[in-house]
């Protein structure tokens, strides 16, 4: 079975979270990576309105914290 190939325009990365990127549509994504012996798949991160934060690696990270860690980039990656 062939998987669908998609491209994602990355506009920002974050200092303490190397696998979290911001797409051109201003949505946060977590790239696939290995955490200890487990593989974390590519996924879209959801924003929790009540906590005003995103859930990244089993911890809550506020939106203002992510803004302070943001590094602007201009990259294109392919997702399988």
C-alpha atoms as a PDB file:
ATOM      1  CA  UNK A   1       0.000   0.000   0.000  1.00  0.00           C
ATOM      2  CA  UNK A   2       1.431   3.360  -0.987  1.00  0.00           C
ATOM      3  CA  UNK A   3       1.031   6.231   1.398  1.00  0.00           C
ATOM      4  CA  UNK A   4       0.032   9.660   0.258  1.00  0.00           C
ATOM      5  CA  UNK A   5       2.890  12.147  -0.003  1.00  0.00           C
ATOM      6  CA  UNK A   6       2.139  15.635   1.291  1.00  0.00           C
ATOM      7  CA  UNK A   7       4.251  18.752   1.663  1.00  0.00           C
ATOM      8  CA  UNK A   8       4.200  21.066   4.655  1.00  0.00           C
ATOM      9  CA  UNK A   9       5.513  24.631   4.623  1.00  0.00           C
ATOM     10  CA  UNK A  10       7.218  25.272   7.963  1.00  0.00           C
ATOM     11  CA  UNK A  11       7.231  28.878   9.154  1.00  0.00           C
ATOM     12  CA  UNK A  12       8.620  28.367  12.690  1.00  0.00           C
ATOM     13  CA  UNK A  13      10.425  25.921  14.963  1.00  0.00           C
ATOM     14  CA  UNK A  14      10.817  26.006  18.749  1.00  0.00           C
ATOM     15  CA  UNK A  15      14.044  25.936  20.809  1.00  0.00           C
ATOM     16  CA  UNK A  16      13.221  23.369  23.512  1.00  0.00           C
ATOM     17  CA  UNK A  17      10.931  21.306  21.282  1.00  0.00           C
ATOM     18  CA  UNK A  18      12.829  20.296  18.114  1.00  0.00           C
ATOM     19  CA  UNK A  19       9.991  18.097  16.815  1.00  0.00           C
ATOM     20  CA  UNK A  20       7.273  20.760  17.083  1.00  0.00           C
ATOM     21  CA  UNK A  21       6.801  22.974  14.028  1.00  0.00           C
ATOM     22  CA  UNK A  22       4.358  25.644  12.944  1.00  0.00           C
ATOM     23  CA  UNK A  23       2.820  25.247   9.488  1.00  0.00           C
ATOM     24  CA  UNK A  24       1.983  28.018   7.050  1.00  0.00           C
ATOM     25  CA  UNK A  25      -1.652  27.785   8.192  1.00  0.00           C
ATOM     26  CA  UNK A  26      -0.511  28.660  11.784  1.00  0.00           C
ATOM     27  CA  UNK A  27      -1.268  25.185  13.117  1.00  0.00           C
ATOM     28  CA  UNK A  28       1.232  23.330  15.303  1.00  0.00           C
ATOM     29  CA  UNK A  29       2.394  19.868  14.275  1.00  0.00           C
ATOM     30  CA  UNK A  30       4.571  17.293  16.010  1.00  0.00           C
ATOM     31  CA  UNK A  31       6.907  15.543  13.584  1.00  0.00           C
ATOM     32  CA  UNK A  32       7.440  11.798  13.846  1.00  0.00           C
ATOM     33  CA  UNK A  33      10.381  10.913  16.097  1.00  0.00           C
ATOM     34  CA  UNK A  34      11.651   8.308  18.555  1.00  0.00           C
ATOM     35  CA  UNK A  35      11.075   8.762  22.271  1.00  0.00           C
ATOM     36  CA  UNK A  36      13.143   6.128  24.104  1.00  0.00           C
ATOM     37  CA  UNK A  37      12.056   2.948  22.280  1.00  0.00           C
ATOM     38  CA  UNK A  38       8.693   4.209  21.077  1.00  0.00           C
ATOM     39  CA  UNK A  39       7.907   5.917  17.809  1.00  0.00           C
ATOM     40  CA  UNK A  40       5.749   9.024  18.058  1.00  0.00           C
ATOM     41  CA  UNK A  41       3.774   9.528  14.828  1.00  0.00           C
ATOM     42  CA  UNK A  42       3.209  12.770  12.932  1.00  0.00           C
ATOM     43  CA  UNK A  43       0.210  14.551  14.421  1.00  0.00           C
ATOM     44  CA  UNK A  44      -1.551  17.877  14.669  1.00  0.00           C
ATOM     45  CA  UNK A  45      -1.402  19.403  18.158  1.00  0.00           C
ATOM     46  CA  UNK A  46      -4.673  20.610  19.608  1.00  0.00           C
ATOM     47  CA  UNK A  47      -5.060  23.769  21.661  1.00  0.00           C
ATOM     48  CA  UNK A  48      -6.831  23.558  25.035  1.00  0.00           C
ATOM     49  CA  UNK A  49      -8.867  26.757  25.536  1.00  0.00           C
ATOM     50  CA  UNK A  50      -9.399  26.179  29.259  1.00  0.00           C
ATOM     51  CA  UNK A  51      -5.684  25.827  30.061  1.00  0.00           C
ATOM     52  CA  UNK A  52      -4.540  28.120  27.222  1.00  0.00           C
ATOM     53  CA  UNK A  53      -1.858  25.570  26.368  1.00  0.00           C
ATOM     54  CA  UNK A  54      -0.793  22.745  24.067  1.00  0.00           C
ATOM     55  CA  UNK A  55      -0.044  19.200  25.237  1.00  0.00           C
ATOM     56  CA  UNK A  56       3.525  18.357  24.150  1.00  0.00           C
ATOM     57  CA  UNK A  57       5.310  15.210  25.368  1.00  0.00           C
ATOM     58  CA  UNK A  58       2.833  14.690  28.239  1.00  0.00           C
ATOM     59  CA  UNK A  59       3.230  18.206  29.604  1.00  0.00           C
ATOM     60  CA  UNK A  60       1.239  21.402  29.200  1.00  0.00           C
ATOM     61  CA  UNK A  61       3.082  24.210  27.383  1.00  0.00           C
ATOM     62  CA  UNK A  62       1.435  27.612  27.289  1.00  0.00           C
ATOM     63  CA  UNK A  63       1.025  29.596  24.101  1.00  0.00           C
ATOM     64  CA  UNK A  64       3.073  32.499  25.491  1.00  0.00           C
ATOM     65  CA  UNK A  65       5.946  30.121  26.337  1.00  0.00           C
ATOM     66  CA  UNK A  66       5.930  28.829  22.768  1.00  0.00           C
ATOM     67  CA  UNK A  67       5.930  32.392  21.389  1.00  0.00           C
ATOM     68  CA  UNK A  68       9.053  33.166  23.431  1.00  0.00           C
ATOM     69  CA  UNK A  69      10.803  30.006  22.133  1.00  0.00           C
ATOM     70  CA  UNK A  70       9.833  30.557  18.485  1.00  0.00           C
ATOM     71  CA  UNK A  71      12.497  30.709  15.769  1.00  0.00           C
ATOM     72  CA  UNK A  72      11.253  31.808  12.359  1.00  0.00           C
ATOM     73  CA  UNK A  73      12.170  29.476   9.480  1.00  0.00           C
ATOM     74  CA  UNK A  74      11.232  28.942   5.882  1.00  0.00           C
ATOM     75  CA  UNK A  75      11.360  25.209   5.137  1.00  0.00           C
ATOM     76  CA  UNK A  76       9.406  22.669   3.128  1.00  0.00           C
ATOM     77  CA  UNK A  77       9.183  19.055   4.276  1.00  0.00           C
ATOM     78  CA  UNK A  78       7.518  15.989   2.781  1.00  0.00           C
ATOM     79  CA  UNK A  79       5.278  13.791   4.914  1.00  0.00           C
ATOM     80  CA  UNK A  80       4.575  10.168   4.057  1.00  0.00           C
END
